[in-house]
Amino acid sequence: MKGVVRFGDRGKLSPRFIGPYSIVEKVGKLAYRLALPNALGKVHDVFDISQLKRYVAASSHPVRILDKKVRSTRRKDITMVKVLWSNHRSQEATWETEDSMREHYPHLLSQEVDS
């Protein structure tokens, strides 16, 4: 195993699949070049089709941030954001904490909310 680059953790519990990453180009009949982040710079970016797994979208994805407000409790202020969710049947909006959204969906909070 000397010289083998592992993805993330080391040992028996290392992740089997990482990603999702987009396909940049088809290199051969059964090989694809992936757009890997800089953190995986030591990993060769061409993979055989047998090593890839189809991306299955989650049942619901956040579309955008609709509104933002601060909810005050006795000891602290909590910033809440109204998130528009989209699934295969409909769209609905819910209030979520900004911290949890920043942890799971940081790209949404980089967009400014119109007040």
PDB file of N, CA and C in Angstrom:
ATOM      1  N   MET A   1       0.824  -1.199   0.000  1.00  0.00           N
ATOM      2  CA  MET A   1       0.000   0.000   0.000  1.00  0.00           C
ATOM      3  C   MET A   1       0.865   1.260   0.000  1.00  0.00           C
ATOM      4  N   LYS A   2       2.169   1.120  -0.147  1.00  0.00           N
ATOM      5  CA  LYS A   2       3.046   2.284  -0.105  1.00  0.00           C
ATOM      6  C   LYS A   2       2.809   3.165  -1.330  1.00  0.00           C
ATOM      7  N   GLY A   3       2.622   4.446  -1.091  1.00  0.00           N
ATOM      8  CA  GLY A   3       2.436   5.381  -2.193  1.00  0.00           C
ATOM      9  C   GLY A   3       0.999   5.521  -2.668  1.00  0.00           C
ATOM     10  N   VAL A   4       0.057   4.859  -2.003  1.00  0.00           N
ATOM     11  CA  VAL A   4      -1.349   4.943  -2.395  1.00  0.00           C
ATOM     12  C   VAL A   4      -1.966   6.174  -1.747  1.00  0.00           C
ATOM     13  N   VAL A   5      -2.644   6.994  -2.538  1.00  0.00           N
ATOM     14  CA  VAL A   5      -3.312   8.185  -2.018  1.00  0.00           C
ATOM     15  C   VAL A   5      -4.735   7.808  -1.645  1.00  0.00           C
ATOM     16  N   ARG A   6      -5.101   8.073  -0.400  1.00  0.00           N
ATOM     17  CA  ARG A   6      -6.460   7.781   0.056  1.00  0.00           C
ATOM     18  C   ARG A   6      -7.263   9.064   0.121  1.00  0.00           C
ATOM     19  N   PHE A   7      -8.559   8.948  -0.020  1.00  0.00           N
ATOM     20  CA  PHE A   7      -9.449  10.099   0.031  1.00  0.00           C
ATOM     21  C   PHE A   7      -9.852  10.361   1.470  1.00  0.00           C
ATOM     22  N   GLY A   8      -9.323  11.407   2.091  1.00  0.00           N
ATOM     23  CA  GLY A   8      -9.757  11.774   3.438  1.00  0.00           C
ATOM     24  C   GLY A   8      -9.150  10.901   4.505  1.00  0.00           C
ATOM     25  N   ASP A   9      -9.981  10.113   5.196  1.00  0.00           N
ATOM     26  CA  ASP A   9      -9.556   9.306   6.336  1.00  0.00           C
ATOM     27  C   ASP A   9      -8.653   8.164   5.888  1.00  0.00           C
ATOM     28  N   ARG A  10      -7.879   7.679   6.836  1.00  0.00           N
ATOM     29  CA  ARG A  10      -7.007   6.541   6.556  1.00  0.00           C
ATOM     30  C   ARG A  10      -7.519   5.323   7.310  1.00  0.00           C
ATOM     31  N   GLY A  11      -7.235   4.171   6.790  1.00  0.00           N
ATOM     32  CA  GLY A  11      -7.601   2.948   7.474  1.00  0.00           C
ATOM     33  C   GLY A  11      -8.823   2.287   6.870  1.00  0.00           C
ATOM     34  N   LYS A  12      -9.358   1.318   7.601  1.00  0.00           N
ATOM     35  CA  LYS A  12     -10.468   0.530   7.091  1.00  0.00           C
ATOM     36  C   LYS A  12     -11.750   1.321   6.918  1.00  0.00           C
ATOM     37  N   LEU A  13     -11.918   2.391   7.658  1.00  0.00           N
ATOM     38  CA  LEU A  13     -13.156   3.150   7.583  1.00  0.00           C
ATOM     39  C   LEU A  13     -13.055   4.346   6.635  1.00  0.00           C
ATOM     40  N   SER A  14     -12.120   4.319   5.701  1.00  0.00           N
ATOM     41  CA  SER A  14     -12.012   5.418   4.755  1.00  0.00           C
ATOM     42  C   SER A  14     -13.222   5.388   3.820  1.00  0.00           C
ATOM     43  N   PRO A  15     -13.681   6.557   3.369  1.00  0.00           N
ATOM     44  CA  PRO A  15     -14.891   6.599   2.550  1.00  0.00           C
ATOM     45  C   PRO A  15     -14.692   5.906   1.208  1.00  0.00           C
ATOM     46  N   ARG A  16     -15.716   5.215   0.761  1.00  0.00           N
ATOM     47  CA  ARG A  16     -15.613   4.495  -0.502  1.00  0.00           C
ATOM     48  C   ARG A  16     -15.878   5.412  -1.679  1.00  0.00           C
ATOM     49  N   PHE A  17     -16.842   6.293  -1.552  1.00  0.00           N
ATOM     50  CA  PHE A  17     -17.163   7.238  -2.612  1.00  0.00           C
ATOM     51  C   PHE A  17     -17.016   8.654  -2.080  1.00  0.00           C
ATOM     52  N   ILE A  18     -16.508   9.541  -2.910  1.00  0.00           N
ATOM     53  CA  ILE A  18     -16.407  10.953  -2.561  1.00  0.00           C
ATOM     54  C   ILE A  18     -17.084  11.737  -3.669  1.00  0.00           C
ATOM     55  N   GLY A  19     -17.437  12.964  -3.370  1.00  0.00           N
ATOM     56  CA  GLY A  19     -18.023  13.765  -4.452  1.00  0.00           C
ATOM     57  C   GLY A  19     -19.378  14.280  -4.068  1.00  0.00           C
ATOM     58  N   PRO A  20     -20.179  14.711  -4.934  1.00  0.00           N
ATOM     59  CA  PRO A  20     -20.170  14.530  -6.386  1.00  0.00           C
ATOM     60  C   PRO A  20     -19.268  15.536  -7.091  1.00  0.00           C
ATOM     61  N   TYR A  21     -18.696  15.123  -8.201  1.00  0.00           N
ATOM     62  CA  TYR A  21     -17.878  15.979  -9.045  1.00  0.00           C
ATOM     63  C   TYR A  21     -18.386  15.870 -10.476  1.00  0.00           C
ATOM     64  N   SER A  22     -18.280  16.959 -11.201  1.00  0.00           N
ATOM     65  CA  SER A  22     -18.793  16.961 -12.570  1.00  0.00           C
ATOM     66  C   SER A  22     -17.764  16.362 -13.528  1.00  0.00           C
ATOM     67  N   ILE A  23     -18.275  15.808 -14.618  1.00  0.00           N
ATOM     68  CA  ILE A  23     -17.437  15.214 -15.653  1.00  0.00           C
ATOM     69  C   ILE A  23     -17.015  16.324 -16.611  1.00  0.00           C
ATOM     70  N   VAL A  24     -15.712  16.443 -16.828  1.00  0.00           N
ATOM     71  CA  VAL A  24     -15.180  17.469 -17.714  1.00  0.00           C
ATOM     72  C   VAL A  24     -15.185  16.989 -19.160  1.00  0.00           C
ATOM     73  N   GLU A  25     -14.676  15.762 -19.370  1.00  0.00           N
ATOM     74  CA  GLU A  25     -14.629  15.221 -20.730  1.00  0.00           C
ATOM     75  C   GLU A  25     -14.543  13.705 -20.701  1.00  0.00           C
ATOM     76  N   LYS A  26     -14.871  13.112 -21.836  1.00  0.00           N
ATOM     77  CA  LYS A  26     -14.729  11.674 -22.021  1.00  0.00           C
ATOM     78  C   LYS A  26     -13.356  11.438 -22.631  1.00  0.00           C
ATOM     79  N   VAL A  27     -12.523  10.620 -21.968  1.00  0.00           N
ATOM     80  CA  VAL A  27     -11.143  10.429 -22.390  1.00  0.00           C
ATOM     81  C   VAL A  27     -10.999   9.220 -23.313  1.00  0.00           C
ATOM     82  N   GLY A  28     -11.756   8.206 -23.091  1.00  0.00           N
ATOM     83  CA  GLY A  28     -11.713   7.006 -23.913  1.00  0.00           C
ATOM     84  C   GLY A  28     -13.095   6.408 -23.966  1.00  0.00           C
ATOM     85  N   LYS A  29     -13.174   5.132 -24.350  1.00  0.00           N
ATOM     86  CA  LYS A  29     -14.487   4.483 -24.389  1.00  0.00           C
ATOM     87  C   LYS A  29     -15.079   4.336 -22.991  1.00  0.00           C
ATOM     88  N   LEU A  30     -14.200   4.094 -22.006  1.00  0.00           N
ATOM     89  CA  LEU A  30     -14.690   3.830 -20.645  1.00  0.00           C
ATOM     90  C   LEU A  30     -14.035   4.709 -19.581  1.00  0.00           C
ATOM     91  N   ALA A  31     -13.436   5.825 -19.969  1.00  0.00           N
ATOM     92  CA  ALA A  31     -12.746   6.677 -19.002  1.00  0.00           C
ATOM     93  C   ALA A  31     -13.251   8.113 -19.091  1.00  0.00           C
ATOM     94  N   TYR A  32     -13.330   8.767 -17.927  1.00  0.00           N
ATOM     95  CA  TYR A  32     -13.810  10.138 -17.854  1.00  0.00           C
ATOM     96  C   TYR A  32     -12.875  10.973 -17.005  1.00  0.00           C
ATOM     97  N   ARG A  33     -12.688  12.240 -17.386  1.00  0.00           N
ATOM     98  CA  ARG A  33     -11.908  13.196 -16.603  1.00  0.00           C
ATOM     99  C   ARG A  33     -12.885  13.985 -15.743  1.00  0.00           C
ATOM    100  N   LEU A  34     -12.598  14.054 -14.422  1.00  0.00           N
ATOM    101  CA  LEU A  34     -13.470  14.745 -13.479  1.00  0.00           C
ATOM    102  C   LEU A  34     -12.869  16.079 -13.055  1.00  0.00           C
ATOM    103  N   ALA A  35     -13.725  17.009 -12.684  1.00  0.00           N
ATOM    104  CA  ALA A  35     -13.290  18.302 -12.143  1.00  0.00           C
ATOM    105  C   ALA A  35     -13.108  18.145 -10.641  1.00  0.00           C
ATOM    106  N   LEU A  36     -11.897  17.833 -10.211  1.00  0.00           N
ATOM    107  CA  LEU A  36     -11.603  17.617  -8.793  1.00  0.00           C
ATOM    108  C   LEU A  36     -11.144  18.919  -8.150  1.00  0.00           C
ATOM    109  N   PRO A  37     -11.419  19.124  -6.855  1.00  0.00           N
ATOM    110  CA  PRO A  37     -10.970  20.343  -6.170  1.00  0.00           C
ATOM    111  C   PRO A  37      -9.461  20.318  -5.947  1.00  0.00           C
ATOM    112  N   ASN A  38      -8.898  21.468  -5.587  1.00  0.00           N
ATOM    113  CA  ASN A  38      -7.455  21.581  -5.351  1.00  0.00           C
ATOM    114  C   ASN A  38      -6.985  20.709  -4.196  1.00  0.00           C
ATOM    115  N   ALA A  39      -7.880  20.410  -3.243  1.00  0.00           N
ATOM    116  CA  ALA A  39      -7.507  19.572  -2.103  1.00  0.00           C
ATOM    117  C   ALA A  39      -7.132  18.156  -2.555  1.00  0.00           C
ATOM    118  N   LEU A  40      -7.626  17.739  -3.708  1.00  0.00           N
ATOM    119  CA  LEU A  40      -7.301  16.414  -4.256  1.00  0.00           C
ATOM    120  C   LEU A  40      -6.308  16.541  -5.410  1.00  0.00           C
ATOM    121  N   GLY A  41      -5.369  17.468  -5.274  1.00  0.00           N
ATOM    122  CA  GLY A  41      -4.403  17.741  -6.328  1.00  0.00           C
ATOM    123  C   GLY A  41      -3.477  16.572  -6.634  1.00  0.00           C
ATOM    124  N   LYS A  42      -3.232  15.694  -5.664  1.00  0.00           N
ATOM    125  CA  LYS A  42      -2.337  14.558  -5.873  1.00  0.00           C
ATOM    126  C   LYS A  42      -3.037  13.362  -6.502  1.00  0.00           C
ATOM    127  N   VAL A  43      -4.344  13.448  -6.682  1.00  0.00           N
ATOM    128  CA  VAL A  43      -5.123  12.343  -7.231  1.00  0.00           C
ATOM    129  C   VAL A  43      -5.261  12.527  -8.740  1.00  0.00           C
ATOM    130  N   HIS A  44      -5.030  11.468  -9.495  1.00  0.00           N
ATOM    131  CA  HIS A  44      -5.184  11.527 -10.953  1.00  0.00           C
ATOM    132  C   HIS A  44      -6.655  11.777 -11.273  1.00  0.00           C
ATOM    133  N   ASP A  45      -6.939  12.660 -12.207  1.00  0.00           N
ATOM    134  CA  ASP A  45      -8.312  13.094 -12.455  1.00  0.00           C
ATOM    135  C   ASP A  45      -9.061  12.282 -13.506  1.00  0.00           C
ATOM    136  N   VAL A  46      -8.466  11.204 -14.029  1.00  0.00           N
ATOM    137  CA  VAL A  46      -9.149  10.342 -14.998  1.00  0.00           C
ATOM    138  C   VAL A  46      -9.531   9.041 -14.298  1.00  0.00           C
ATOM    139  N   PHE A  47     -10.826   8.683 -14.400  1.00  0.00           N
ATOM    140  CA  PHE A  47     -11.349   7.492 -13.738  1.00  0.00           C
ATOM    141  C   PHE A  47     -12.046   6.585 -14.740  1.00  0.00           C
ATOM    142  N   ASP A  48     -11.924   5.278 -14.516  1.00  0.00           N
ATOM    143  CA  ASP A  48     -12.663   4.310 -15.307  1.00  0.00           C
ATOM    144  C   ASP A  48     -14.122   4.357 -14.893  1.00  0.00           C
ATOM    145  N   ILE A  49     -15.005   4.039 -15.815  1.00  0.00           N
ATOM    146  CA  ILE A  49     -16.442   4.116 -15.543  1.00  0.00           C
ATOM    147  C   ILE A  49     -16.857   3.179 -14.410  1.00  0.00           C
ATOM    148  N   SER A  50     -16.114   2.096 -14.192  1.00  0.00           N
ATOM    149  CA  SER A  50     -16.446   1.163 -13.113  1.00  0.00           C
ATOM    150  C   SER A  50     -16.204   1.779 -11.732  1.00  0.00           C
ATOM    151  N   GLN A  51     -15.386   2.829 -11.654  1.00  0.00           N
ATOM    152  CA  GLN A  51     -15.096   3.477 -10.383  1.00  0.00           C
ATOM    153  C   GLN A  51     -16.064   4.617 -10.075  1.00  0.00           C
ATOM    154  N   LEU A  52     -16.929   4.956 -11.020  1.00  0.00           N
ATOM    155  CA  LEU A  52     -17.857   6.071 -10.840  1.00  0.00           C
ATOM    156  C   LEU A  52     -19.231   5.565 -10.435  1.00  0.00           C
ATOM    157  N   LYS A  53     -19.959   6.409  -9.746  1.00  0.00           N
ATOM    158  CA  LYS A  53     -21.308   6.086  -9.302  1.00  0.00           C
ATOM    159  C   LYS A  53     -22.224   7.223  -9.726  1.00  0.00           C
ATOM    160  N   ARG A  54     -23.394   6.902 -10.236  1.00  0.00           N
ATOM    161  CA  ARG A  54     -24.334   7.923 -10.690  1.00  0.00           C
ATOM    162  C   ARG A  54     -24.817   8.751  -9.510  1.00  0.00           C
ATOM    163  N   TYR A  55     -24.888  10.074  -9.718  1.00  0.00           N
ATOM    164  CA  TYR A  55     -25.376  10.979  -8.681  1.00  0.00           C
ATOM    165  C   TYR A  55     -26.896  10.942  -8.652  1.00  0.00           C
ATOM    166  N   VAL A  56     -27.454  10.663  -7.489  1.00  0.00           N
ATOM    167  CA  VAL A  56     -28.898  10.666  -7.297  1.00  0.00           C
ATOM    168  C   VAL A  56     -29.227  11.862  -6.415  1.00  0.00           C
ATOM    169  N   ALA A  57     -30.002  12.775  -6.952  1.00  0.00           N
ATOM    170  CA  ALA A  57     -30.330  13.993  -6.214  1.00  0.00           C
ATOM    171  C   ALA A  57     -31.178  13.664  -4.990  1.00  0.00           C
ATOM    172  N   ALA A  58     -30.995  14.443  -3.949  1.00  0.00           N
ATOM    173  CA  ALA A  58     -31.803  14.279  -2.746  1.00  0.00           C
ATOM    174  C   ALA A  58     -33.248  14.660  -3.054  1.00  0.00           C
ATOM    175  N   SER A  59     -34.152  14.241  -2.195  1.00  0.00           N
ATOM    176  CA  SER A  59     -35.570  14.508  -2.460  1.00  0.00           C
ATOM    177  C   SER A  59     -35.906  15.989  -2.408  1.00  0.00           C
ATOM    178  N   SER A  60     -35.137  16.759  -1.648  1.00  0.00           N
ATOM    179  CA  SER A  60     -35.402  18.194  -1.605  1.00  0.00           C
ATOM    180  C   SER A  60     -34.086  18.956  -1.578  1.00  0.00           C
ATOM    181  N   HIS A  61     -34.050  20.051  -2.285  1.00  0.00           N
ATOM    182  CA  HIS A  61     -32.879  20.912  -2.342  1.00  0.00           C
ATOM    183  C   HIS A  61     -33.308  22.346  -2.057  1.00  0.00           C
ATOM    184  N   PRO A  62     -32.468  23.080  -1.363  1.00  0.00           N
ATOM    185  CA  PRO A  62     -32.789  24.510  -1.180  1.00  0.00           C
ATOM    186  C   PRO A  62     -32.554  25.258  -2.477  1.00  0.00           C
ATOM    187  N   VAL A  63     -33.500  26.096  -2.847  1.00  0.00           N
ATOM    188  CA  VAL A  63     -33.390  26.842  -4.090  1.00  0.00           C
ATOM    189  C   VAL A  63     -32.742  28.199  -3.836  1.00  0.00           C
ATOM    190  N   ARG A  64     -33.296  28.954  -2.887  1.00  0.00           N
ATOM    191  CA  ARG A  64     -32.733  30.260  -2.577  1.00  0.00           C
ATOM    192  C   ARG A  64     -33.245  30.745  -1.230  1.00  0.00           C
ATOM    193  N   ILE A  65     -32.610  31.796  -0.727  1.00  0.00           N
ATOM    194  CA  ILE A  65     -32.997  32.433   0.527  1.00  0.00           C
ATOM    195  C   ILE A  65     -34.000  33.537   0.192  1.00  0.00           C
ATOM    196  N   LEU A  66     -35.174  33.506   0.834  1.00  0.00           N
ATOM    197  CA  LEU A  66     -36.213  34.491   0.562  1.00  0.00           C
ATOM    198  C   LEU A  66     -36.168  35.683   1.500  1.00  0.00           C
ATOM    199  N   ASP A  67     -35.884  35.422   2.785  1.00  0.00           N
ATOM    200  CA  ASP A  67     -35.958  36.490   3.780  1.00  0.00           C
ATOM    201  C   ASP A  67     -35.008  36.170   4.925  1.00  0.00           C
ATOM    202  N   LYS A  68     -34.745  37.175   5.753  1.00  0.00           N
ATOM    203  CA  LYS A  68     -33.842  37.012   6.886  1.00  0.00           C
ATOM    204  C   LYS A  68     -34.389  37.825   8.052  1.00  0.00           C
ATOM    205  N   LYS A  69     -34.329  37.263   9.276  1.00  0.00           N
ATOM    206  CA  LYS A  69     -34.775  37.996  10.459  1.00  0.00           C
ATOM    207  C   LYS A  69     -33.974  37.530  11.660  1.00  0.00           C
ATOM    208  N   VAL A  70     -33.987  38.334  12.708  1.00  0.00           N
ATOM    209  CA  VAL A  70     -33.285  38.004  13.946  1.00  0.00           C
ATOM    210  C   VAL A  70     -34.334  37.741  15.017  1.00  0.00           C
ATOM    211  N   ARG A  71     -34.247  36.571  15.638  1.00  0.00           N
ATOM    212  CA  ARG A  71     -35.164  36.188  16.699  1.00  0.00           C
ATOM    213  C   ARG A  71     -34.431  36.311  18.024  1.00  0.00           C
ATOM    214  N   SER A  72     -34.973  37.083  18.935  1.00  0.00           N
ATOM    215  CA  SER A  72     -34.311  37.338  20.219  1.00  0.00           C
ATOM    216  C   SER A  72     -34.883  36.434  21.300  1.00  0.00           C
ATOM    217  N   THR A  73     -33.967  35.796  22.027  1.00  0.00           N
ATOM    218  CA  THR A  73     -34.347  35.036  23.214  1.00  0.00           C
ATOM    219  C   THR A  73     -33.829  35.800  24.423  1.00  0.00           C
ATOM    220  N   ARG A  74     -33.920  35.222  25.583  1.00  0.00           N
ATOM    221  CA  ARG A  74     -33.469  35.932  26.791  1.00  0.00           C
ATOM    222  C   ARG A  74     -31.964  36.164  26.797  1.00  0.00           C
ATOM    223  N   ARG A  75     -31.221  35.208  26.262  1.00  0.00           N
ATOM    224  CA  ARG A  75     -29.768  35.290  26.373  1.00  0.00           C
ATOM    225  C   ARG A  75     -29.046  35.614  25.070  1.00  0.00           C
ATOM    226  N   LYS A  76     -29.656  35.355  23.927  1.00  0.00           N
ATOM    227  CA  LYS A  76     -28.934  35.592  22.679  1.00  0.00           C
ATOM    228  C   LYS A  76     -29.888  35.877  21.530  1.00  0.00           C
ATOM    229  N   ASP A  77     -29.323  36.356  20.446  1.00  0.00           N
ATOM    230  CA  ASP A  77     -30.067  36.608  19.224  1.00  0.00           C
ATOM    231  C   ASP A  77     -29.746  35.506  18.225  1.00  0.00           C
ATOM    232  N   ILE A  78     -30.779  34.964  17.592  1.00  0.00           N
ATOM    233  CA  ILE A  78     -30.620  33.891  16.610  1.00  0.00           C
ATOM    234  C   ILE A  78     -31.056  34.423  15.256  1.00  0.00           C
ATOM    235  N   THR A  79     -30.169  34.324  14.280  1.00  0.00           N
ATOM    236  CA  THR A  79     -30.504  34.760  12.933  1.00  0.00           C
ATOM    237  C   THR A  79     -31.197  33.621  12.197  1.00  0.00           C
ATOM    238  N   MET A  80     -32.373  33.912  11.672  1.00  0.00           N
ATOM    239  CA  MET A  80     -33.174  32.927  10.941  1.00  0.00           C
ATOM    240  C   MET A  80     -33.258  33.352   9.474  1.00  0.00           C
ATOM    241  N   VAL A  81     -33.277  32.372   8.573  1.00  0.00           N
ATOM    242  CA  VAL A  81     -33.440  32.646   7.152  1.00  0.00           C
ATOM    243  C   VAL A  81     -34.609  31.829   6.627  1.00  0.00           C
ATOM    244  N   LYS A  82     -35.374  32.422   5.723  1.00  0.00           N
ATOM    245  CA  LYS A  82     -36.489  31.723   5.105  1.00  0.00           C
ATOM    246  C   LYS A  82     -35.981  31.107   3.808  1.00  0.00           C
ATOM    247  N   VAL A  83     -36.040  29.771   3.724  1.00  0.00           N
ATOM    248  CA  VAL A  83     -35.457  29.027   2.614  1.00  0.00           C
ATOM    249  C   VAL A  83     -36.561  28.461   1.732  1.00  0.00           C
ATOM    250  N   LEU A  84     -36.435  28.675   0.440  1.00  0.00           N
ATOM    251  CA  LEU A  84     -37.354  28.074  -0.524  1.00  0.00           C
ATOM    252  C   LEU A  84     -36.798  26.719  -0.906  1.00  0.00           C
ATOM    253  N   TRP A  85     -37.561  25.654  -0.615  1.00  0.00           N
ATOM    254  CA  TRP A  85     -37.154  24.280  -0.899  1.00  0.00           C
ATOM    255  C   TRP A  85     -37.896  23.797  -2.129  1.00  0.00           C
ATOM    256  N   SER A  86     -37.237  22.977  -2.925  1.00  0.00           N
ATOM    257  CA  SER A  86     -37.861  22.408  -4.111  1.00  0.00           C
ATOM    258  C   SER A  86     -37.696  20.896  -4.076  1.00  0.00           C
ATOM    259  N   ASN A  87     -38.794  20.196  -4.292  1.00  0.00           N
ATOM    260  CA  ASN A  87     -38.709  18.749  -4.449  1.00  0.00           C
ATOM    261  C   ASN A  87     -39.428  18.367  -5.728  1.00  0.00           C
ATOM    262  N   HIS A  88     -39.614  17.109  -5.983  1.00  0.00           N
ATOM    263  CA  HIS A  88     -40.170  16.684  -7.262  1.00  0.00           C
ATOM    264  C   HIS A  88     -41.650  17.009  -7.427  1.00  0.00           C
ATOM    265  N   ARG A  89     -42.338  17.387  -6.378  1.00  0.00           N
ATOM    266  CA  ARG A  89     -43.774  17.671  -6.486  1.00  0.00           C
ATOM    267  C   ARG A  89     -44.128  19.145  -6.337  1.00  0.00           C
ATOM    268  N   SER A  90     -43.474  19.847  -5.442  1.00  0.00           N
ATOM    269  CA  SER A  90     -43.881  21.223  -5.163  1.00  0.00           C
ATOM    270  C   SER A  90     -42.709  22.023  -4.609  1.00  0.00           C
ATOM    271  N   GLN A  91     -43.012  23.270  -4.256  1.00  0.00           N
ATOM    272  CA  GLN A  91     -42.040  24.124  -3.587  1.00  0.00           C
ATOM    273  C   GLN A  91     -42.668  24.635  -2.300  1.00  0.00           C
ATOM    274  N   GLU A  92     -41.864  24.711  -1.247  1.00  0.00           N
ATOM    275  CA  GLU A  92     -42.348  25.251   0.005  1.00  0.00           C
ATOM    276  C   GLU A  92     -41.210  26.006   0.689  1.00  0.00           C
ATOM    277  N   ALA A  93     -41.550  26.901   1.587  1.00  0.00           N
ATOM    278  CA  ALA A  93     -40.550  27.704   2.291  1.00  0.00           C
ATOM    279  C   ALA A  93     -40.649  27.449   3.788  1.00  0.00           C
ATOM    280  N   THR A  94     -39.495  27.331   4.444  1.00  0.00           N
ATOM    281  CA  THR A  94     -39.450  27.140   5.887  1.00  0.00           C
ATOM    282  C   THR A  94     -38.399  28.067   6.487  1.00  0.00           C
ATOM    283  N   TRP A  95     -38.548  28.357   7.779  1.00  0.00           N
ATOM    284  CA  TRP A  95     -37.562  29.145   8.503  1.00  0.00           C
ATOM    285  C   TRP A  95     -36.534  28.203   9.100  1.00  0.00           C
ATOM    286  N   GLU A  96     -35.250  28.462   8.840  1.00  0.00           N
ATOM    287  CA  GLU A  96     -34.146  27.654   9.360  1.00  0.00           C
ATOM    288  C   GLU A  96     -33.133  28.583  10.008  1.00  0.00           C
ATOM    289  N   THR A  97     -32.321  28.047  10.927  1.00  0.00           N
ATOM    290  CA  THR A  97     -31.278  28.875  11.521  1.00  0.00           C
ATOM    291  C   THR A  97     -30.173  29.116  10.505  1.00  0.00           C
ATOM    292  N   GLU A  98     -29.603  30.308  10.565  1.00  0.00           N
ATOM    293  CA  GLU A  98     -28.549  30.657   9.610  1.00  0.00           C
ATOM    294  C   GLU A  98     -27.319  29.771   9.807  1.00  0.00           C
ATOM    295  N   ASP A  99     -27.023  29.407  11.045  1.00  0.00           N
ATOM    296  CA  ASP A  99     -25.860  28.563  11.323  1.00  0.00           C
ATOM    297  C   ASP A  99     -25.982  27.187  10.674  1.00  0.00           C
ATOM    298  N   SER A 100     -27.162  26.576  10.760  1.00  0.00           N
ATOM    299  CA  SER A 100     -27.334  25.254  10.150  1.00  0.00           C
ATOM    300  C   SER A 100     -27.286  25.334   8.625  1.00  0.00           C
ATOM    301  N   MET A 101     -27.839  26.408   8.059  1.00  0.00           N
ATOM    302  CA  MET A 101     -27.789  26.571   6.605  1.00  0.00           C
ATOM    303  C   MET A 101     -26.359  26.846   6.138  1.00  0.00           C
ATOM    304  N   ARG A 102     -25.601  27.607   6.930  1.00  0.00           N
ATOM    305  CA  ARG A 102     -24.209  27.903   6.573  1.00  0.00           C
ATOM    306  C   ARG A 102     -23.373  26.622   6.612  1.00  0.00           C
ATOM    307  N   GLU A 103     -23.702  25.725   7.533  1.00  0.00           N
ATOM    308  CA  GLU A 103     -22.969  24.464   7.656  1.00  0.00           C
ATOM    309  C   GLU A 103     -23.262  23.527   6.485  1.00  0.00           C
ATOM    310  N   HIS A 104     -24.541  23.411   6.098  1.00  0.00           N
ATOM    311  CA  HIS A 104     -24.929  22.452   5.071  1.00  0.00           C
ATOM    312  C   HIS A 104     -24.957  23.026   3.655  1.00  0.00           C
ATOM    313  N   TYR A 105     -25.292  24.303   3.499  1.00  0.00           N
ATOM    314  CA  TYR A 105     -25.434  24.913   2.173  1.00  0.00           C
ATOM    315  C   TYR A 105     -24.748  26.290   2.154  1.00  0.00           C
ATOM    316  N   PRO A 106     -23.419  26.353   2.240  1.00  0.00           N
ATOM    317  CA  PRO A 106     -22.744  27.650   2.311  1.00  0.00           C
ATOM    318  C   PRO A 106     -22.891  28.483   1.040  1.00  0.00           C
ATOM    319  N   HIS A 107     -23.099  27.838  -0.098  1.00  0.00           N
ATOM    320  CA  HIS A 107     -23.229  28.578  -1.358  1.00  0.00           C
ATOM    321  C   HIS A 107     -24.486  29.445  -1.395  1.00  0.00           C
ATOM    322  N   LEU A 108     -25.519  29.067  -0.666  1.00  0.00           N
ATOM    323  CA  LEU A 108     -26.753  29.866  -0.654  1.00  0.00           C
ATOM    324  C   LEU A 108     -26.588  31.180   0.101  1.00  0.00           C
ATOM    325  N   LEU A 109     -25.794  31.143   1.161  1.00  0.00           N
ATOM    326  CA  LEU A 109     -25.621  32.335   1.969  1.00  0.00           C
ATOM    327  C   LEU A 109     -24.635  33.325   1.366  1.00  0.00           C
ATOM    328  N   SER A 110     -23.917  32.912   0.336  1.00  0.00           N
ATOM    329  CA  SER A 110     -23.034  33.868  -0.334  1.00  0.00           C
ATOM    330  C   SER A 110     -23.833  34.830  -1.200  1.00  0.00           C
ATOM    331  N   GLN A 111     -25.055  34.417  -1.570  1.00  0.00           N
ATOM    332  CA  GLN A 111     -25.940  35.299  -2.316  1.00  0.00           C
ATOM    333  C   GLN A 111     -26.615  36.253  -1.333  1.00  0.00           C
ATOM    334  N   GLU A 112     -26.750  37.511  -1.706  1.00  0.00           N
ATOM    335  CA  GLU A 112     -27.358  38.495  -0.814  1.00  0.00           C
ATOM    336  C   GLU A 112     -28.870  38.358  -0.822  1.00  0.00           C
ATOM    337  N   VAL A 113     -29.481  38.618   0.339  1.00  0.00           N
ATOM    338  CA  VAL A 113     -30.938  38.576   0.482  1.00  0.00           C
ATOM    339  C   VAL A 113     -31.459  39.983   0.264  1.00  0.00           C
ATOM    340  N   ASP A 114     -32.466  40.118  -0.596  1.00  0.00           N
ATOM    341  CA  ASP A 114     -33.079  41.417  -0.819  1.00  0.00           C
ATOM    342  C   ASP A 114     -34.048  41.695   0.324  1.00  0.00           C
ATOM    343  N   SER A 115     -33.872  42.831   1.012  1.00  0.00           N
ATOM    344  CA  SER A 115     -34.745  43.170   2.138  1.00  0.00           C
ATOM    345  C   SER A 115     -35.727  44.210   1.754  1.00  0.00           C
TER     346      SER A 115
END
